[in-house]
C-alpha atoms as a PDB file:
ATOM      1  CA  MET A   1      -8.405  18.179 -16.887  1.00  0.00           C
ATOM      2  CA  HIS A   2     -10.564  15.067 -17.911  1.00  0.00           C
ATOM      3  CA  LEU A   3      -7.721  11.884 -18.487  1.00  0.00           C
ATOM      4  CA  LYS A   4      -9.233   9.826 -21.080  1.00  0.00           C
ATOM      5  CA  THR A   5      -9.864   6.060 -20.402  1.00  0.00           C
ATOM      6  CA  PHE A   6      -8.705   3.071 -22.583  1.00  0.00           C
ATOM      7  CA  PRO A   7     -11.790   1.560 -23.481  1.00  0.00           C
ATOM      8  CA  PHE A   8     -11.914  -2.287 -25.007  1.00  0.00           C
ATOM      9  CA  SER A   9     -11.715  -1.251 -28.542  1.00  0.00           C
ATOM     10  CA  LEU A  10     -10.449  -2.544 -31.990  1.00  0.00           C
ATOM     11  CA  THR A  11      -8.686   0.768 -31.479  1.00  0.00           C
ATOM     12  CA  VAL A  12      -7.175   0.106 -28.667  1.00  0.00           C
ATOM     13  CA  ILE A  13      -5.427  -3.090 -28.983  1.00  0.00           C
ATOM     14  CA  LYS A  14      -4.292  -1.779 -32.234  1.00  0.00           C
ATOM     15  CA  LEU A  15      -2.432   0.598 -29.378  1.00  0.00           C
ATOM     16  CA  ALA A  16      -1.118  -1.457 -27.045  1.00  0.00           C
ATOM     17  CA  ALA A  17       0.204  -4.045 -29.830  1.00  0.00           C
ATOM     18  CA  LEU A  18       2.027  -0.822 -31.098  1.00  0.00           C
ATOM     19  CA  ALA A  19       2.763  -0.023 -27.773  1.00  0.00           C
ATOM     20  CA  ALA A  20       4.486  -2.938 -26.577  1.00  0.00           C
ATOM     21  CA  ALA A  21       5.757  -3.712 -30.274  1.00  0.00           C
ATOM     22  CA  LEU A  22       7.864  -0.039 -30.096  1.00  0.00           C
ATOM     23  CA  LEU A  23       9.071  -0.237 -26.273  1.00  0.00           C
ATOM     24  CA  SER A  24      10.217  -4.251 -27.184  1.00  0.00           C
ATOM     25  CA  VAL A  25      12.675  -3.280 -29.838  1.00  0.00           C
ATOM     26  CA  GLY A  26      14.093  -0.665 -27.384  1.00  0.00           C
ATOM     27  CA  ALA A  27      12.444   2.561 -28.791  1.00  0.00           C
ATOM     28  CA  CYS A  28      13.485   5.202 -26.368  1.00  0.00           C
ATOM     29  CA  SER A  29      10.216   6.726 -24.221  1.00  0.00           C
ATOM     30  CA  SER A  30      10.096   9.596 -26.489  1.00  0.00           C
ATOM     31  CA  VAL A  31       9.466   7.940 -29.046  1.00  0.00           C
ATOM     32  CA  TYR A  32       7.534   5.776 -27.115  1.00  0.00           C
ATOM     33  CA  TYR A  33       5.716   8.876 -25.760  1.00  0.00           C
ATOM     34  CA  ASP A  34       5.461  10.523 -29.234  1.00  0.00           C
ATOM     35  CA  THR A  35       2.904   7.540 -30.861  1.00  0.00           C
ATOM     36  CA  MET A  36       0.970   7.452 -27.637  1.00  0.00           C
ATOM     37  CA  GLU A  37      -0.124  11.610 -28.685  1.00  0.00           C
ATOM     38  CA  LYS A  38      -0.994  10.560 -31.521  1.00  0.00           C
ATOM     39  CA  PHE A  39      -3.543   8.867 -30.495  1.00  0.00           C
ATOM     40  CA  GLY A  40      -5.048  11.517 -27.718  1.00  0.00           C
ATOM     41  CA  TYR A  41      -3.145  10.179 -24.823  1.00  0.00           C
ATOM     42  CA  GLU A  42      -0.736  12.395 -22.476  1.00  0.00           C
ATOM     43  CA  LYS A  43       1.823  11.189 -19.887  1.00  0.00           C
ATOM     44  CA  ARG A  44      -1.147  11.570 -16.938  1.00  0.00           C
ATOM     45  CA  ASP A  45      -3.214   8.933 -19.387  1.00  0.00           C
ATOM     46  CA  ILE A  46      -0.007   6.857 -19.547  1.00  0.00           C
ATOM     47  CA  LEU A  47      -0.104   7.408 -15.112  1.00  0.00           C
ATOM     48  CA  VAL A  48      -3.128   7.037 -14.015  1.00  0.00           C
ATOM     49  CA  SER A  49      -3.372   3.428 -16.839  1.00  0.00           C
ATOM     50  CA  ARG A  50       0.170   2.112 -14.593  1.00  0.00           C
ATOM     51  CA  VAL A  51      -1.028   2.635 -11.369  1.00  0.00           C
ATOM     52  CA  GLU A  52      -3.992   1.069 -11.682  1.00  0.00           C
ATOM     53  CA  ASP A  53      -1.884  -1.711 -13.419  1.00  0.00           C
ATOM     54  CA  SER A  54      -0.388  -2.035 -10.443  1.00  0.00           C
ATOM     55  CA  ARG A  55      -3.200  -1.175  -8.235  1.00  0.00           C
ATOM     56  CA  ASP A  56      -4.309  -4.304  -9.526  1.00  0.00           C
ATOM     57  CA  ALA A  57      -1.030  -6.035  -9.206  1.00  0.00           C
ATOM     58  CA  GLN A  58      -1.091  -5.969  -5.731  1.00  0.00           C
ATOM     59  CA  SER A  59      -4.586  -6.824  -5.112  1.00  0.00           C
ATOM     60  CA  ASP A  60      -4.354 -10.288  -7.395  1.00  0.00           C
ATOM     61  CA  ALA A  61      -0.465 -10.315  -5.198  1.00  0.00           C
ATOM     62  CA  GLN A  62      -2.800  -9.930  -1.989  1.00  0.00           C
ATOM     63  CA  GLU A  63      -4.925 -13.092  -2.598  1.00  0.00           C
ATOM     64  CA  THR A  64      -2.317 -14.649  -3.960  1.00  0.00           C
ATOM     65  CA  PHE A  65      -0.231 -15.146  -1.087  1.00  0.00           C
ATOM     66  CA  ARG A  66      -3.411 -16.133   0.865  1.00  0.00           C
ATOM     67  CA  SER A  67      -4.158 -18.972  -0.956  1.00  0.00           C
ATOM     68  CA  ALA A  68      -0.743 -19.983  -0.430  1.00  0.00           C
ATOM     69  CA  LEU A  69      -0.018 -19.953   2.989  1.00  0.00           C
ATOM     70  CA  GLU A  70      -3.457 -21.344   3.735  1.00  0.00           C
ATOM     71  CA  ARG A  71      -2.017 -23.930   1.654  1.00  0.00           C
ATOM     72  CA  TYR A  72       1.265 -24.266   3.330  1.00  0.00           C
ATOM     73  CA  GLN A  73      -0.495 -24.773   6.285  1.00  0.00           C
ATOM     74  CA  SER A  74      -2.954 -27.243   5.063  1.00  0.00           C
ATOM     75  CA  VAL A  75       0.489 -29.522   5.376  1.00  0.00           C
ATOM     76  CA  ILE A  76       0.241 -29.323   9.196  1.00  0.00           C
ATOM     77  CA  ASP A  77      -2.381 -31.554   9.498  1.00  0.00           C
ATOM     78  CA  THR A  78      -1.503 -33.877   6.233  1.00  0.00           C
ATOM     79  CA  PRO A  79      -1.461 -38.179   6.594  1.00  0.00           C
ATOM     80  CA  GLU A  80       2.079 -39.087   5.682  1.00  0.00           C
ATOM     81  CA  SER A  81       0.733 -40.665   3.133  1.00  0.00           C
ATOM     82  CA  ASP A  82      -0.718 -37.736   1.565  1.00  0.00           C
ATOM     83  CA  LEU A  83       2.663 -35.555   1.702  1.00  0.00           C
ATOM     84  CA  ARG A  84       3.893 -36.385  -1.728  1.00  0.00           C
ATOM     85  CA  GLU A  85       0.970 -34.988  -2.987  1.00  0.00           C
ATOM     86  CA  LYS A  86       0.921 -31.991  -0.576  1.00  0.00           C
ATOM     87  CA  TYR A  87       3.676 -31.537  -1.478  1.00  0.00           C
ATOM     88  CA  GLU A  88       3.055 -30.326  -5.019  1.00  0.00           C
ATOM     89  CA  GLU A  89       0.139 -28.389  -3.332  1.00  0.00           C
ATOM     90  CA  VAL A  90       3.058 -26.492  -1.666  1.00  0.00           C
ATOM     91  CA  ARG A  91       5.303 -25.922  -4.426  1.00  0.00           C
ATOM     92  CA  GLU A  92       2.367 -24.121  -7.363  1.00  0.00           C
ATOM     93  CA  ALA A  93       1.547 -22.286  -3.870  1.00  0.00           C
ATOM     94  CA  TYR A  94       5.371 -21.031  -3.872  1.00  0.00           C
ATOM     95  CA  GLU A  95       5.355 -20.093  -7.672  1.00  0.00           C
ATOM     96  CA  ASP A  96       2.415 -18.620  -7.836  1.00  0.00           C
ATOM     97  CA  SER A  97       3.456 -16.606  -5.335  1.00  0.00           C
ATOM     98  CA  GLU A  98       7.108 -15.179  -7.314  1.00  0.00           C
ATOM     99  CA  ASP A  99       4.991 -14.761 -10.540  1.00  0.00           C
ATOM    100  CA  ALA A 100       3.089 -12.171  -8.243  1.00  0.00           C
ATOM    101  CA  ALA A 101       5.041 -10.811  -6.384  1.00  0.00           C
ATOM    102  CA  LYS A 102       7.234 -10.484  -9.867  1.00  0.00           C
ATOM    103  CA  GLU A 103       4.185  -8.470 -11.458  1.00  0.00           C
ATOM    104  CA  VAL A 104       3.802  -6.430  -8.772  1.00  0.00           C
ATOM    105  CA  SER A 105       8.008  -5.245  -9.488  1.00  0.00           C
ATOM    106  CA  GLU A 106       7.728  -4.702 -12.945  1.00  0.00           C
ATOM    107  CA  ARG A 107       3.796  -2.595 -12.211  1.00  0.00           C
ATOM    108  CA  ILE A 108       5.401  -0.628 -10.404  1.00  0.00           C
ATOM    109  CA  ALA A 109       8.743  -0.218 -12.220  1.00  0.00           C
ATOM    110  CA  GLU A 110       6.759   0.782 -15.165  1.00  0.00           C
ATOM    111  CA  VAL A 111       4.256   3.291 -13.081  1.00  0.00           C
ATOM    112  CA  GLU A 112       7.996   4.757 -11.742  1.00  0.00           C
ATOM    113  CA  ASP A 113       9.187   5.198 -15.364  1.00  0.00           C
ATOM    114  CA  VAL A 114       6.066   7.035 -16.023  1.00  0.00           C
ATOM    115  CA  ALA A 115       5.568   9.881 -13.677  1.00  0.00           C
ATOM    116  CA  GLU A 116       9.272  10.781 -14.024  1.00  0.00           C
ATOM    117  CA  ASP A 117       8.804  11.437 -16.985  1.00  0.00           C
ATOM    118  CA  LEU A 118       5.865  13.190 -16.305  1.00  0.00           C
ATOM    119  CA  PHE A 119       7.075  15.766 -13.741  1.00  0.00           C
ATOM    120  CA  ASP A 120      10.371  16.439 -15.268  1.00  0.00           C
ATOM    121  CA  GLU A 121       8.110  18.168 -18.227  1.00  0.00           C
ATOM    122  CA  TRP A 122       5.934  19.572 -16.216  1.00  0.00           C
ATOM    123  CA  GLU A 123       8.639  21.704 -14.167  1.00  0.00           C
ATOM    124  CA  ASP A 124      10.199  22.509 -17.771  1.00  0.00           C
ATOM    125  CA  GLU A 125       7.061  23.695 -18.747  1.00  0.00           C
ATOM    126  CA  LEU A 126       6.630  26.121 -15.850  1.00  0.00           C
ATOM    127  CA  ASP A 127       9.262  28.396 -17.277  1.00  0.00           C
ATOM    128  CA  ARG A 128       6.474  28.360 -20.672  1.00  0.00           C
ATOM    129  CA  TYR A 129       3.887  31.187 -18.428  1.00  0.00           C
ATOM    130  CA  THR A 130       3.487  34.344 -19.299  1.00  0.00           C
ATOM    131  CA  ASN A 131       0.156  34.533 -16.752  1.00  0.00           C
ATOM    132  CA  GLN A 132       2.688  33.938 -13.716  1.00  0.00           C
ATOM    133  CA  GLN A 133      -1.530  33.664 -11.606  1.00  0.00           C
ATOM    134  CA  LEU A 134      -1.464  30.443 -13.440  1.00  0.00           C
ATOM    135  CA  ARG A 135       2.387  29.357 -13.613  1.00  0.00           C
ATOM    136  CA  ALA A 136       1.850  29.941  -9.965  1.00  0.00           C
ATOM    137  CA  SER A 137      -1.171  27.654  -9.298  1.00  0.00           C
ATOM    138  CA  SER A 138       0.553  25.136 -11.995  1.00  0.00           C
ATOM    139  CA  GLU A 139       3.898  25.141  -9.904  1.00  0.00           C
ATOM    140  CA  ARG A 140       1.267  24.139  -6.446  1.00  0.00           C
ATOM    141  CA  GLN A 141      -0.225  21.414  -8.422  1.00  0.00           C
ATOM    142  CA  LEU A 142       2.908  19.635  -9.217  1.00  0.00           C
ATOM    143  CA  GLY A 143       3.940  20.379  -5.453  1.00  0.00           C
ATOM    144  CA  GLU A 144       0.766  18.343  -4.621  1.00  0.00           C
ATOM    145  CA  THR A 145       0.976  15.783  -6.455  1.00  0.00           C
ATOM    146  CA  ARG A 146       4.462  15.124  -7.041  1.00  0.00           C
ATOM    147  CA  GLN A 147       4.223  15.052  -3.015  1.00  0.00           C
ATOM    148  CA  GLN A 148       1.247  12.711  -2.862  1.00  0.00           C
ATOM    149  CA  TYR A 149       2.865  10.613  -5.835  1.00  0.00           C
ATOM    150  CA  GLU A 150       6.059  10.305  -3.286  1.00  0.00           C
ATOM    151  CA  SER A 151       4.181   8.944  -0.453  1.00  0.00           C
ATOM    152  CA  LEU A 152       2.381   6.362  -3.364  1.00  0.00           C
ATOM    153  CA  ILE A 153       5.525   5.206  -4.544  1.00  0.00           C
ATOM    154  CA  SER A 154       7.061   4.848  -0.864  1.00  0.00           C
ATOM    155  CA  ARG A 155       4.144   2.534   0.114  1.00  0.00           C
ATOM    156  CA  MET A 156       5.028   0.597  -3.042  1.00  0.00           C
ATOM    157  CA  GLN A 157       8.260  -0.145  -2.360  1.00  0.00           C
ATOM    158  CA  GLN A 158       7.413  -0.966   1.158  1.00  0.00           C
ATOM    159  CA  THR A 159       5.263  -3.609  -0.095  1.00  0.00           C
ATOM    160  CA  GLU A 160       8.080  -4.696  -2.764  1.00  0.00           C
ATOM    161  CA  GLU A 161      10.497  -5.021  -0.292  1.00  0.00           C
ATOM    162  CA  ARG A 162       7.785  -6.314   2.312  1.00  0.00           C
ATOM    163  CA  MET A 163       7.594 -10.128  -0.523  1.00  0.00           C
ATOM    164  CA  GLY A 164      10.608 -10.636  -0.494  1.00  0.00           C
ATOM    165  CA  PRO A 165      11.319 -12.437   2.732  1.00  0.00           C
ATOM    166  CA  VAL A 166       8.106 -13.686   1.881  1.00  0.00           C
ATOM    167  CA  LEU A 167       9.255 -15.490  -0.428  1.00  0.00           C
ATOM    168  CA  ARG A 168      11.748 -17.182   0.779  1.00  0.00           C
ATOM    169  CA  ALA A 169      10.133 -18.137   3.748  1.00  0.00           C
ATOM    170  CA  PHE A 170       8.045 -19.833   0.740  1.00  0.00           C
ATOM    171  CA  GLU A 171      10.688 -21.545  -0.181  1.00  0.00           C
ATOM    172  CA  ASP A 172      12.381 -23.015   2.542  1.00  0.00           C
ATOM    173  CA  GLN A 173       9.141 -24.697   3.309  1.00  0.00           C
ATOM    174  CA  MET A 174       9.104 -26.114   0.023  1.00  0.00           C
ATOM    175  CA  LEU A 175      12.466 -26.953  -0.554  1.00  0.00           C
ATOM    176  CA  TYR A 176      12.428 -28.696   2.625  1.00  0.00           C
ATOM    177  CA  LEU A 177       9.256 -30.793   2.436  1.00  0.00           C
ATOM    178  CA  ARG A 178      10.367 -31.538  -0.963  1.00  0.00           C
ATOM    179  CA  HIS A 179      12.877 -33.878   0.912  1.00  0.00           C
ATOM    180  CA  ASN A 180      11.139 -34.419   4.223  1.00  0.00           C
ATOM    181  CA  LEU A 181       8.474 -36.109   2.890  1.00  0.00           C
ATOM    182  CA  ASN A 182       7.527 -37.183   6.370  1.00  0.00           C
ATOM    183  CA  ALA A 183       5.347 -37.375   9.860  1.00  0.00           C
ATOM    184  CA  GLN A 184       8.426 -36.317  11.691  1.00  0.00           C
ATOM    185  CA  SER A 185       9.408 -32.847   9.153  1.00  0.00           C
ATOM    186  CA  ILE A 186       6.051 -31.349   9.595  1.00  0.00           C
ATOM    187  CA  GLY A 187       7.083 -29.963  13.343  1.00  0.00           C
ATOM    188  CA  ALA A 188       9.975 -28.303  12.289  1.00  0.00           C
ATOM    189  CA  LEU A 189       7.948 -27.377   9.580  1.00  0.00           C
ATOM    190  CA  GLU A 190       4.814 -25.975  11.951  1.00  0.00           C
ATOM    191  CA  SER A 191       7.550 -23.564  13.916  1.00  0.00           C
ATOM    192  CA  GLU A 192       7.805 -21.631  11.019  1.00  0.00           C
ATOM    193  CA  LEU A 193       4.586 -21.059  10.360  1.00  0.00           C
ATOM    194  CA  THR A 194       3.564 -18.406  13.174  1.00  0.00           C
ATOM    195  CA  GLN A 195       6.165 -15.991  11.252  1.00  0.00           C
ATOM    196  CA  ILE A 196       5.711 -16.580   7.963  1.00  0.00           C
ATOM    197  CA  ARG A 197       1.301 -15.735   8.654  1.00  0.00           C
ATOM    198  CA  SER A 198       2.461 -13.051  10.354  1.00  0.00           C
ATOM    199  CA  ASP A 199       5.036 -11.579   7.525  1.00  0.00           C
ATOM    200  CA  VAL A 200       1.677 -12.563   4.880  1.00  0.00           C
ATOM    201  CA  ASP A 201      -0.873 -10.792   7.494  1.00  0.00           C
ATOM    202  CA  THR A 202       1.792  -7.356   7.671  1.00  0.00           C
ATOM    203  CA  LEU A 203       2.500  -7.556   3.397  1.00  0.00           C
ATOM    204  CA  ILE A 204      -2.008  -7.925   3.102  1.00  0.00           C
ATOM    205  CA  ARG A 205      -2.370  -5.174   5.263  1.00  0.00           C
ATOM    206  CA  ASN A 206       0.651  -3.298   3.732  1.00  0.00           C
ATOM    207  CA  MET A 207      -1.057  -3.953  -0.178  1.00  0.00           C
ATOM    208  CA  GLU A 208      -4.476  -3.192   0.850  1.00  0.00           C
ATOM    209  CA  THR A 209      -2.818   0.591   1.984  1.00  0.00           C
ATOM    210  CA  SER A 210      -0.584   1.099  -1.366  1.00  0.00           C
ATOM    211  CA  ILE A 211      -4.124   0.212  -3.115  1.00  0.00           C
ATOM    212  CA  ALA A 212      -6.078   2.890  -1.398  1.00  0.00           C
ATOM    213  CA  GLU A 213      -3.189   5.294  -1.884  1.00  0.00           C
ATOM    214  CA  SER A 214      -4.068   4.751  -5.555  1.00  0.00           C
ATOM    215  CA  GLU A 215      -7.103   5.211  -5.682  1.00  0.00           C
ATOM    216  CA  ALA A 216      -6.615   8.321  -4.251  1.00  0.00           C
ATOM    217  CA  PHE A 217      -4.003   9.191  -6.080  1.00  0.00           C
ATOM    218  CA  ILE A 218      -5.679   8.150  -9.606  1.00  0.00           C
ATOM    219  CA  GLN A 219      -8.510  10.204  -8.623  1.00  0.00           C
ATOM    220  CA  ARG A 220      -6.514  13.606  -7.780  1.00  0.00           C
ATOM    221  CA  LEU A 221      -5.439  13.562 -11.486  1.00  0.00           C
ATOM    222  CA  ARG A 222      -8.296  12.578 -13.240  1.00  0.00           C
ATOM    223  CA  SER A 223      -9.263  15.740 -11.017  1.00  0.00           C
ATOM    224  CA  GLN A 224      -6.671  18.202 -12.270  1.00  0.00           C
END
């Protein structure tokens, strides 16, 4: 079974606008899915699209956190006369990281929503088979797909959890620098950067694994 792609066209733009409108007014999931099906998009198609969005959000977040770490590290060698300007860069880095983390969390939640609906539908439809051989094959595919999904969503959730400590450390550095714009304060910041660097490296590695698992899961759904 080949999944539909989402080409950039006027029809898809209208579809996206309609779907967004349905969600914004609190329309139930069944109305949303019914509307999407009228355009030819099943829950599988929607899940693939949302996993792709989550993958892209994590990829963007990688770059954001890397850039933020570089900006925090650059404070260490900054002359005291330039610390006010550096503080503004650090504040912006923190805000960018916070926005990136929020985007990742929202995309993960969207993946979870449609995945559970897809698996529930798939399981319910097993009872409709009259051909037991086909039923057994579909049930096996369901089990394998769900197992792969559970590994993927677990990895995504680990990524989400790891963003928290990094954000809090970024915020601590930003707040301290706001009220201590002098050379003496830099030593206190520097002592914390080693741990922050380690946490960011771990976060990025986790994101890389999550992105790879996302790609594998997308390929599985597209090949079914």
